[in-house]
Amino acid sequence: MKLSTRIALAVGLSVPLLVLASGWLLLRLVTDDLRARQDSQLRARATVLAKNAKAYLEVAGADRPVMEQARQRRLVNSARDVGVRLTVPGAPGA
């Protein structure tokens, strides 16, 4: 086998392998970055949800129905943003 044929075969085999390896590496890096970004967004939204839940609990049953309704609305909206389902204890389906 001639030297030029051996070089052509080596290049013909190594280039696709290098392309596949670099594609796999790029996919892993992008996937990890996207997951980290989603985790940080979810963590931030969960923090807002916890803050709104605490604010609602502070005014719940304090004879301030307007403030209680406003905080409850804020809590429900932030729960929907995170994907949390709120239930009332003792309610049907809870």
PDB file of N, CA and C in Angstrom:
ATOM      1  N   MET A   1       0.852  -1.168   0.000  1.00  0.00           N
ATOM      2  CA  MET A   1       0.000   0.000   0.000  1.00  0.00           C
ATOM      3  C   MET A   1       0.899   1.232   0.000  1.00  0.00           C
ATOM      4  N   LYS A   2       0.530   2.163  -0.843  1.00  0.00           N
ATOM      5  CA  LYS A   2       1.341   3.372  -0.972  1.00  0.00           C
ATOM      6  C   LYS A   2       1.157   4.282   0.246  1.00  0.00           C
ATOM      7  N   LEU A   3       2.119   5.105   0.453  1.00  0.00           N
ATOM      8  CA  LEU A   3       2.077   6.047   1.581  1.00  0.00           C
ATOM      9  C   LEU A   3       0.901   7.014   1.445  1.00  0.00           C
ATOM     10  N   SER A   4       0.642   7.501   0.256  1.00  0.00           N
ATOM     11  CA  SER A   4      -0.458   8.446   0.052  1.00  0.00           C
ATOM     12  C   SER A   4      -1.807   7.794   0.352  1.00  0.00           C
ATOM     13  N   THR A   5      -1.945   6.499   0.068  1.00  0.00           N
ATOM     14  CA  THR A   5      -3.189   5.781   0.380  1.00  0.00           C
ATOM     15  C   THR A   5      -3.347   5.648   1.887  1.00  0.00           C
ATOM     16  N   ARG A   6      -2.269   5.332   2.583  1.00  0.00           N
ATOM     17  CA  ARG A   6      -2.334   5.218   4.047  1.00  0.00           C
ATOM     18  C   ARG A   6      -2.694   6.553   4.694  1.00  0.00           C
ATOM     19  N   ILE A   7      -2.119   7.617   4.178  1.00  0.00           N
ATOM     20  CA  ILE A   7      -2.430   8.956   4.715  1.00  0.00           C
ATOM     21  C   ILE A   7      -3.889   9.297   4.448  1.00  0.00           C
ATOM     22  N   ALA A   8      -4.381   8.994   3.255  1.00  0.00           N
ATOM     23  CA  ALA A   8      -5.776   9.274   2.915  1.00  0.00           C
ATOM     24  C   ALA A   8      -6.725   8.488   3.811  1.00  0.00           C
ATOM     25  N   LEU A   9      -6.420   7.211   4.076  1.00  0.00           N
ATOM     26  CA  LEU A   9      -7.253   6.400   4.963  1.00  0.00           C
ATOM     27  C   LEU A   9      -7.225   6.931   6.400  1.00  0.00           C
ATOM     28  N   ALA A  10      -6.053   7.321   6.867  1.00  0.00           N
ATOM     29  CA  ALA A  10      -5.936   7.851   8.236  1.00  0.00           C
ATOM     30  C   ALA A  10      -6.731   9.143   8.389  1.00  0.00           C
ATOM     31  N   VAL A  11      -6.609  10.016   7.409  1.00  0.00           N
ATOM     32  CA  VAL A  11      -7.358  11.278   7.463  1.00  0.00           C
ATOM     33  C   VAL A  11      -8.853  11.007   7.309  1.00  0.00           C
ATOM     34  N   GLY A  12      -9.209  10.085   6.408  1.00  0.00           N
ATOM     35  CA  GLY A  12     -10.618   9.747   6.186  1.00  0.00           C
ATOM     36  C   GLY A  12     -11.286   9.152   7.407  1.00  0.00           C
ATOM     37  N   LEU A  13     -10.542   8.489   8.259  1.00  0.00           N
ATOM     38  CA  LEU A  13     -11.101   7.920   9.483  1.00  0.00           C
ATOM     39  C   LEU A  13     -11.036   8.893  10.664  1.00  0.00           C
ATOM     40  N   SER A  14      -9.969   9.665  10.732  1.00  0.00           N
ATOM     41  CA  SER A  14      -9.807  10.537  11.905  1.00  0.00           C
ATOM     42  C   SER A  14     -10.682  11.781  11.847  1.00  0.00           C
ATOM     43  N   VAL A  15     -10.923  12.332  10.673  1.00  0.00           N
ATOM     44  CA  VAL A  15     -11.731  13.559  10.584  1.00  0.00           C
ATOM     45  C   VAL A  15     -13.162  13.320  11.065  1.00  0.00           C
ATOM     46  N   PRO A  16     -13.871  12.278  10.588  1.00  0.00           N
ATOM     47  CA  PRO A  16     -15.233  12.060  11.125  1.00  0.00           C
ATOM     48  C   PRO A  16     -15.242  11.798  12.628  1.00  0.00           C
ATOM     49  N   LEU A  17     -14.240  11.087  13.120  1.00  0.00           N
ATOM     50  CA  LEU A  17     -14.186  10.847  14.565  1.00  0.00           C
ATOM     51  C   LEU A  17     -13.979  12.147  15.339  1.00  0.00           C
ATOM     52  N   LEU A  18     -13.123  13.007  14.841  1.00  0.00           N
ATOM     53  CA  LEU A  18     -12.907  14.299  15.497  1.00  0.00           C
ATOM     54  C   LEU A  18     -14.166  15.170  15.443  1.00  0.00           C
ATOM     55  N   VAL A  19     -14.870  15.139  14.331  1.00  0.00           N
ATOM     56  CA  VAL A  19     -16.116  15.916  14.204  1.00  0.00           C
ATOM     57  C   VAL A  19     -17.165  15.390  15.185  1.00  0.00           C
ATOM     58  N   LEU A  20     -17.310  14.073  15.272  1.00  0.00           N
ATOM     59  CA  LEU A  20     -18.260  13.491  16.222  1.00  0.00           C
ATOM     60  C   LEU A  20     -17.887  13.816  17.666  1.00  0.00           C
ATOM     61  N   ALA A  21     -16.633  13.717  17.999  1.00  0.00           N
ATOM     62  CA  ALA A  21     -16.191  14.004  19.368  1.00  0.00           C
ATOM     63  C   ALA A  21     -16.408  15.470  19.724  1.00  0.00           C
ATOM     64  N   SER A  22     -16.099  16.365  18.817  1.00  0.00           N
ATOM     65  CA  SER A  22     -16.304  17.786  19.116  1.00  0.00           C
ATOM     66  C   SER A  22     -17.791  18.123  19.192  1.00  0.00           C
ATOM     67  N   GLY A  23     -18.618  17.486  18.367  1.00  0.00           N
ATOM     68  CA  GLY A  23     -20.068  17.687  18.443  1.00  0.00           C
ATOM     69  C   GLY A  23     -20.626  17.201  19.762  1.00  0.00           C
ATOM     70  N   TRP A  24     -20.164  16.040  20.221  1.00  0.00           N
ATOM     71  CA  TRP A  24     -20.618  15.506  21.501  1.00  0.00           C
ATOM     72  C   TRP A  24     -20.202  16.426  22.646  1.00  0.00           C
ATOM     73  N   LEU A  25     -18.976  16.910  22.603  1.00  0.00           N
ATOM     74  CA  LEU A  25     -18.491  17.821  23.640  1.00  0.00           C
ATOM     75  C   LEU A  25     -19.286  19.118  23.654  1.00  0.00           C
ATOM     76  N   LEU A  26     -19.556  19.659  22.494  1.00  0.00           N
ATOM     77  CA  LEU A  26     -20.337  20.888  22.404  1.00  0.00           C
ATOM     78  C   LEU A  26     -21.757  20.675  22.930  1.00  0.00           C
ATOM     79  N   LEU A  27     -22.349  19.553  22.585  1.00  0.00           N
ATOM     80  CA  LEU A  27     -23.689  19.240  23.075  1.00  0.00           C
ATOM     81  C   LEU A  27     -23.711  19.146  24.597  1.00  0.00           C
ATOM     82  N   ARG A  28     -22.712  18.497  25.176  1.00  0.00           N
ATOM     83  CA  ARG A  28     -22.635  18.381  26.643  1.00  0.00           C
ATOM     84  C   ARG A  28     -22.497  19.762  27.295  1.00  0.00           C
ATOM     85  N   LEU A  29     -21.646  20.606  26.743  1.00  0.00           N
ATOM     86  CA  LEU A  29     -21.430  21.935  27.322  1.00  0.00           C
ATOM     87  C   LEU A  29     -22.700  22.786  27.240  1.00  0.00           C
ATOM     88  N   VAL A  30     -23.377  22.746  26.108  1.00  0.00           N
ATOM     89  CA  VAL A  30     -24.594  23.536  25.938  1.00  0.00           C
ATOM     90  C   VAL A  30     -25.701  23.011  26.851  1.00  0.00           C
ATOM     91  N   THR A  31     -25.829  21.699  26.956  1.00  0.00           N
ATOM     92  CA  THR A  31     -26.852  21.105  27.820  1.00  0.00           C
ATOM     93  C   THR A  31     -26.612  21.473  29.277  1.00  0.00           C
ATOM     94  N   ASP A  32     -25.389  21.379  29.727  1.00  0.00           N
ATOM     95  CA  ASP A  32     -25.072  21.739  31.116  1.00  0.00           C
ATOM     96  C   ASP A  32     -25.353  23.213  31.382  1.00  0.00           C
ATOM     97  N   ASP A  33     -25.028  24.059  30.434  1.00  0.00           N
ATOM     98  CA  ASP A  33     -25.275  25.490  30.581  1.00  0.00           C
ATOM     99  C   ASP A  33     -26.768  25.789  30.644  1.00  0.00           C
ATOM    100  N   LEU A  34     -27.551  25.151  29.788  1.00  0.00           N
ATOM    101  CA  LEU A  34     -28.995  25.368  29.801  1.00  0.00           C
ATOM    102  C   LEU A  34     -29.628  24.880  31.098  1.00  0.00           C
ATOM    103  N   ARG A  35     -29.173  23.741  31.588  1.00  0.00           N
ATOM    104  CA  ARG A  35     -29.715  23.230  32.850  1.00  0.00           C
ATOM    105  C   ARG A  35     -29.373  24.155  34.012  1.00  0.00           C
ATOM    106  N   ALA A  36     -28.168  24.670  34.032  1.00  0.00           N
ATOM    107  CA  ALA A  36     -27.770  25.593  35.099  1.00  0.00           C
ATOM    108  C   ALA A  36     -28.609  26.870  35.034  1.00  0.00           C
ATOM    109  N   ARG A  37     -28.863  27.344  33.838  1.00  0.00           N
ATOM    110  CA  ARG A  37     -29.679  28.557  33.675  1.00  0.00           C
ATOM    111  C   ARG A  37     -31.121  28.308  34.129  1.00  0.00           C
ATOM    112  N   GLN A  38     -31.683  27.170  33.758  1.00  0.00           N
ATOM    113  CA  GLN A  38     -33.039  26.837  34.185  1.00  0.00           C
ATOM    114  C   GLN A  38     -33.110  26.677  35.698  1.00  0.00           C
ATOM    115  N   ASP A  39     -32.109  26.063  36.287  1.00  0.00           N
ATOM    116  CA  ASP A  39     -32.081  25.898  37.744  1.00  0.00           C
ATOM    117  C   ASP A  39     -32.045  27.247  38.451  1.00  0.00           C
ATOM    118  N   SER A  40     -31.245  28.172  37.942  1.00  0.00           N
ATOM    119  CA  SER A  40     -31.162  29.482  38.596  1.00  0.00           C
ATOM    120  C   SER A  40     -32.471  30.251  38.444  1.00  0.00           C
ATOM    121  N   GLN A  41     -33.132  30.144  37.293  1.00  0.00           N
ATOM    122  CA  GLN A  41     -34.424  30.816  37.113  1.00  0.00           C
ATOM    123  C   GLN A  41     -35.475  30.210  38.040  1.00  0.00           C
ATOM    124  N   LEU A  42     -35.497  28.893  38.143  1.00  0.00           N
ATOM    125  CA  LEU A  42     -36.456  28.232  39.018  1.00  0.00           C
ATOM    126  C   LEU A  42     -36.190  28.576  40.479  1.00  0.00           C
ATOM    127  N   ARG A  43     -34.932  28.642  40.854  1.00  0.00           N
ATOM    128  CA  ARG A  43     -34.578  29.006  42.231  1.00  0.00           C
ATOM    129  C   ARG A  43     -35.042  30.423  42.549  1.00  0.00           C
ATOM    130  N   ALA A  44     -34.864  31.342  41.604  1.00  0.00           N
ATOM    131  CA  ALA A  44     -35.303  32.728  41.810  1.00  0.00           C
ATOM    132  C   ALA A  44     -36.813  32.803  41.934  1.00  0.00           C
ATOM    133  N   ARG A  45     -37.528  32.070  41.097  1.00  0.00           N
ATOM    134  CA  ARG A  45     -38.996  32.074  41.167  1.00  0.00           C
ATOM    135  C   ARG A  45     -39.492  31.435  42.461  1.00  0.00           C
ATOM    136  N   ALA A  46     -38.826  30.380  42.910  1.00  0.00           N
ATOM    137  CA  ALA A  46     -39.211  29.740  44.163  1.00  0.00           C
ATOM    138  C   ALA A  46     -38.966  30.669  45.349  1.00  0.00           C
ATOM    139  N   THR A  47     -37.930  31.482  45.287  1.00  0.00           N
ATOM    140  CA  THR A  47     -37.663  32.461  46.340  1.00  0.00           C
ATOM    141  C   THR A  47     -38.785  33.493  46.403  1.00  0.00           C
ATOM    142  N   VAL A  48     -39.227  33.950  45.248  1.00  0.00           N
ATOM    143  CA  VAL A  48     -40.341  34.902  45.192  1.00  0.00           C
ATOM    144  C   VAL A  48     -41.606  34.246  45.737  1.00  0.00           C
ATOM    145  N   LEU A  49     -41.838  32.990  45.392  1.00  0.00           N
ATOM    146  CA  LEU A  49     -43.005  32.266  45.891  1.00  0.00           C
ATOM    147  C   LEU A  49     -42.973  32.170  47.413  1.00  0.00           C
ATOM    148  N   ALA A  50     -41.831  31.834  47.968  1.00  0.00           N
ATOM    149  CA  ALA A  50     -41.717  31.725  49.426  1.00  0.00           C
ATOM    150  C   ALA A  50     -41.956  33.072  50.096  1.00  0.00           C
ATOM    151  N   LYS A  51     -41.444  34.143  49.489  1.00  0.00           N
ATOM    152  CA  LYS A  51     -41.648  35.478  50.049  1.00  0.00           C
ATOM    153  C   LYS A  51     -43.132  35.864  50.005  1.00  0.00           C
ATOM    154  N   ASN A  52     -43.799  35.557  48.895  1.00  0.00           N
ATOM    155  CA  ASN A  52     -45.224  35.864  48.777  1.00  0.00           C
ATOM    156  C   ASN A  52     -46.067  35.017  49.726  1.00  0.00           C
ATOM    157  N   ALA A  53     -45.680  33.776  49.939  1.00  0.00           N
ATOM    158  CA  ALA A  53     -46.405  32.919  50.882  1.00  0.00           C
ATOM    159  C   ALA A  53     -46.264  33.458  52.306  1.00  0.00           C
ATOM    160  N   LYS A  54     -45.072  33.901  52.658  1.00  0.00           N
ATOM    161  CA  LYS A  54     -44.860  34.464  53.995  1.00  0.00           C
ATOM    162  C   LYS A  54     -45.663  35.750  54.173  1.00  0.00           C
ATOM    163  N   ALA A  55     -45.691  36.593  53.142  1.00  0.00           N
ATOM    164  CA  ALA A  55     -46.462  37.839  53.221  1.00  0.00           C
ATOM    165  C   ALA A  55     -47.950  37.554  53.350  1.00  0.00           C
ATOM    166  N   TYR A  56     -48.435  36.538  52.641  1.00  0.00           N
ATOM    167  CA  TYR A  56     -49.852  36.186  52.745  1.00  0.00           C
ATOM    168  C   TYR A  56     -50.179  35.654  54.137  1.00  0.00           C
ATOM    169  N   LEU A  57     -49.315  34.813  54.680  1.00  0.00           N
ATOM    170  CA  LEU A  57     -49.575  34.252  56.002  1.00  0.00           C
ATOM    171  C   LEU A  57     -49.553  35.313  57.096  1.00  0.00           C
ATOM    172  N   GLU A  58     -48.796  36.383  56.885  1.00  0.00           N
ATOM    173  CA  GLU A  58     -48.746  37.455  57.880  1.00  0.00           C
ATOM    174  C   GLU A  58     -50.070  38.201  57.985  1.00  0.00           C
ATOM    175  N   VAL A  59     -50.796  38.337  56.873  1.00  0.00           N
ATOM    176  CA  VAL A  59     -52.054  39.092  56.904  1.00  0.00           C
ATOM    177  C   VAL A  59     -53.282  38.194  56.911  1.00  0.00           C
ATOM    178  N   ALA A  60     -53.114  36.882  56.786  1.00  0.00           N
ATOM    179  CA  ALA A  60     -54.262  35.971  56.756  1.00  0.00           C
ATOM    180  C   ALA A  60     -54.987  36.008  58.101  1.00  0.00           C
ATOM    181  N   GLY A  61     -56.265  36.250  58.036  1.00  0.00           N
ATOM    182  CA  GLY A  61     -57.094  36.280  59.245  1.00  0.00           C
ATOM    183  C   GLY A  61     -56.893  37.502  60.108  1.00  0.00           C
ATOM    184  N   ALA A  62     -56.383  38.586  59.569  1.00  0.00           N
ATOM    185  CA  ALA A  62     -56.112  39.793  60.353  1.00  0.00           C
ATOM    186  C   ALA A  62     -57.168  40.874  60.122  1.00  0.00           C
ATOM    187  N   ASP A  63     -58.338  40.505  59.654  1.00  0.00           N
ATOM    188  CA  ASP A  63     -59.437  41.440  59.385  1.00  0.00           C
ATOM    189  C   ASP A  63     -59.038  42.555  58.427  1.00  0.00           C
ATOM    190  N   ARG A  64     -58.233  42.213  57.454  1.00  0.00           N
ATOM    191  CA  ARG A  64     -57.887  43.143  56.370  1.00  0.00           C
ATOM    192  C   ARG A  64     -58.125  42.412  55.047  1.00  0.00           C
ATOM    193  N   PRO A  65     -59.401  42.310  54.657  1.00  0.00           N
ATOM    194  CA  PRO A  65     -59.722  41.476  53.490  1.00  0.00           C
ATOM    195  C   PRO A  65     -59.119  41.981  52.178  1.00  0.00           C
ATOM    196  N   VAL A  66     -59.001  43.292  52.001  1.00  0.00           N
ATOM    197  CA  VAL A  66     -58.455  43.810  50.747  1.00  0.00           C
ATOM    198  C   VAL A  66     -56.979  43.442  50.627  1.00  0.00           C
ATOM    199  N   MET A  67     -56.231  43.626  51.695  1.00  0.00           N
ATOM    200  CA  MET A  67     -54.808  43.294  51.679  1.00  0.00           C
ATOM    201  C   MET A  67     -54.619  41.787  51.564  1.00  0.00           C
ATOM    202  N   GLU A  68     -55.477  41.029  52.240  1.00  0.00           N
ATOM    203  CA  GLU A  68     -55.389  39.579  52.183  1.00  0.00           C
ATOM    204  C   GLU A  68     -55.654  39.070  50.765  1.00  0.00           C
ATOM    205  N   GLN A  69     -56.651  39.632  50.101  1.00  0.00           N
ATOM    206  CA  GLN A  69     -56.958  39.219  48.724  1.00  0.00           C
ATOM    207  C   GLN A  69     -55.818  39.584  47.770  1.00  0.00           C
ATOM    208  N   ALA A  70     -55.241  40.752  47.970  1.00  0.00           N
ATOM    209  CA  ALA A  70     -54.138  41.173  47.098  1.00  0.00           C
ATOM    210  C   ALA A  70     -52.933  40.248  47.269  1.00  0.00           C
ATOM    211  N   ARG A  71     -52.616  39.921  48.499  1.00  0.00           N
ATOM    212  CA  ARG A  71     -51.469  39.039  48.741  1.00  0.00           C
ATOM    213  C   ARG A  71     -51.753  37.615  48.286  1.00  0.00           C
ATOM    214  N   GLN A  72     -53.016  37.200  48.426  1.00  0.00           N
ATOM    215  CA  GLN A  72     -53.380  35.867  47.948  1.00  0.00           C
ATOM    216  C   GLN A  72     -53.257  35.793  46.420  1.00  0.00           C
ATOM    217  N   ARG A  73     -53.691  36.840  45.733  1.00  0.00           N
ATOM    218  CA  ARG A  73     -53.572  36.894  44.274  1.00  0.00           C
ATOM    219  C   ARG A  73     -52.099  36.844  43.852  1.00  0.00           C
ATOM    220  N   ARG A  74     -51.271  37.609  44.561  1.00  0.00           N
ATOM    221  CA  ARG A  74     -49.834  37.620  44.263  1.00  0.00           C
ATOM    222  C   ARG A  74     -49.224  36.234  44.492  1.00  0.00           C
ATOM    223  N   LEU A  75     -49.646  35.567  45.565  1.00  0.00           N
ATOM    224  CA  LEU A  75     -49.153  34.223  45.864  1.00  0.00           C
ATOM    225  C   LEU A  75     -49.578  33.229  44.795  1.00  0.00           C
ATOM    226  N   VAL A  76     -50.825  33.287  44.381  1.00  0.00           N
ATOM    227  CA  VAL A  76     -51.327  32.363  43.361  1.00  0.00           C
ATOM    228  C   VAL A  76     -50.603  32.589  42.034  1.00  0.00           C
ATOM    229  N   ASN A  77     -50.384  33.850  41.675  1.00  0.00           N
ATOM    230  CA  ASN A  77     -49.686  34.138  40.419  1.00  0.00           C
ATOM    231  C   ASN A  77     -48.235  33.650  40.450  1.00  0.00           C
ATOM    232  N   SER A  78     -47.556  33.847  41.553  1.00  0.00           N
ATOM    233  CA  SER A  78     -46.172  33.378  41.624  1.00  0.00           C
ATOM    234  C   SER A  78     -46.111  31.856  41.683  1.00  0.00           C
ATOM    235  N   ALA A  79     -47.125  31.216  42.278  1.00  0.00           N
ATOM    236  CA  ALA A  79     -47.163  29.753  42.300  1.00  0.00           C
ATOM    237  C   ALA A  79     -47.368  29.207  40.893  1.00  0.00           C
ATOM    238  N   ARG A  80     -48.216  29.846  40.117  1.00  0.00           N
ATOM    239  CA  ARG A  80     -48.422  29.420  38.729  1.00  0.00           C
ATOM    240  C   ARG A  80     -47.150  29.597  37.914  1.00  0.00           C
ATOM    241  N   ASP A  81     -46.405  30.645  38.194  1.00  0.00           N
ATOM    242  CA  ASP A  81     -45.168  30.909  37.476  1.00  0.00           C
ATOM    243  C   ASP A  81     -44.158  29.791  37.693  1.00  0.00           C
ATOM    244  N   VAL A  82     -44.115  29.253  38.903  1.00  0.00           N
ATOM    245  CA  VAL A  82     -43.173  28.185  39.223  1.00  0.00           C
ATOM    246  C   VAL A  82     -43.745  26.821  38.828  1.00  0.00           C
ATOM    247  N   GLY A  83     -45.062  26.700  38.815  1.00  0.00           N
ATOM    248  CA  GLY A  83     -45.682  25.419  38.503  1.00  0.00           C
ATOM    249  C   GLY A  83     -46.108  24.666  39.747  1.00  0.00           C
ATOM    250  N   VAL A  84     -46.377  25.400  40.822  1.00  0.00           N
ATOM    251  CA  VAL A  84     -46.799  24.810  42.080  1.00  0.00           C
ATOM    252  C   VAL A  84     -48.313  24.891  42.167  1.00  0.00           C
ATOM    253  N   ARG A  85     -48.924  23.800  42.624  1.00  0.00           N
ATOM    254  CA  ARG A  85     -50.379  23.776  42.782  1.00  0.00           C
ATOM    255  C   ARG A  85     -50.701  23.990  44.255  1.00  0.00           C
ATOM    256  N   LEU A  86     -51.458  25.057  44.537  1.00  0.00           N
ATOM    257  CA  LEU A  86     -51.821  25.379  45.911  1.00  0.00           C
ATOM    258  C   LEU A  86     -53.177  24.752  46.235  1.00  0.00           C
ATOM    259  N   THR A  87     -53.291  24.163  47.416  1.00  0.00           N
ATOM    260  CA  THR A  87     -54.551  23.595  47.867  1.00  0.00           C
ATOM    261  C   THR A  87     -54.858  24.107  49.268  1.00  0.00           C
ATOM    262  N   VAL A  88     -56.136  24.143  49.566  1.00  0.00           N
ATOM    263  CA  VAL A  88     -56.577  24.575  50.882  1.00  0.00           C
ATOM    264  C   VAL A  88     -56.827  23.320  51.717  1.00  0.00           C
ATOM    265  N   PRO A  89     -56.307  23.265  52.935  1.00  0.00           N
ATOM    266  CA  PRO A  89     -56.556  22.079  53.770  1.00  0.00           C
ATOM    267  C   PRO A  89     -58.047  21.905  54.041  1.00  0.00           C
ATOM    268  N   GLY A  90     -58.518  20.691  53.907  1.00  0.00           N
ATOM    269  CA  GLY A  90     -59.936  20.386  54.160  1.00  0.00           C
ATOM    270  C   GLY A  90     -60.822  20.611  52.963  1.00  0.00           C
ATOM    271  N   ALA A  91     -60.310  21.172  51.891  1.00  0.00           N
ATOM    272  CA  ALA A  91     -61.117  21.406  50.693  1.00  0.00           C
ATOM    273  C   ALA A  91     -61.256  20.095  49.926  1.00  0.00           C
ATOM    274  N   PRO A  92     -62.349  19.934  49.166  1.00  0.00           N
ATOM    275  CA  PRO A  92     -62.494  18.715  48.358  1.00  0.00           C
ATOM    276  C   PRO A  92     -61.359  18.590  47.349  1.00  0.00           C
ATOM    277  N   GLY A  93     -60.792  17.420  47.256  1.00  0.00           N
ATOM    278  CA  GLY A  93     -59.701  17.173  46.326  1.00  0.00           C
ATOM    279  C   GLY A  93     -58.327  17.493  46.904  1.00  0.00           C
ATOM    280  N   ALA A  94     -58.270  17.913  48.150  1.00  0.00           N
ATOM    281  CA  ALA A  94     -56.979  18.265  48.766  1.00  0.00           C
ATOM    282  C   ALA A  94     -56.326  17.050  49.373  1.00  0.00           C
TER     283      ALA A  94
END
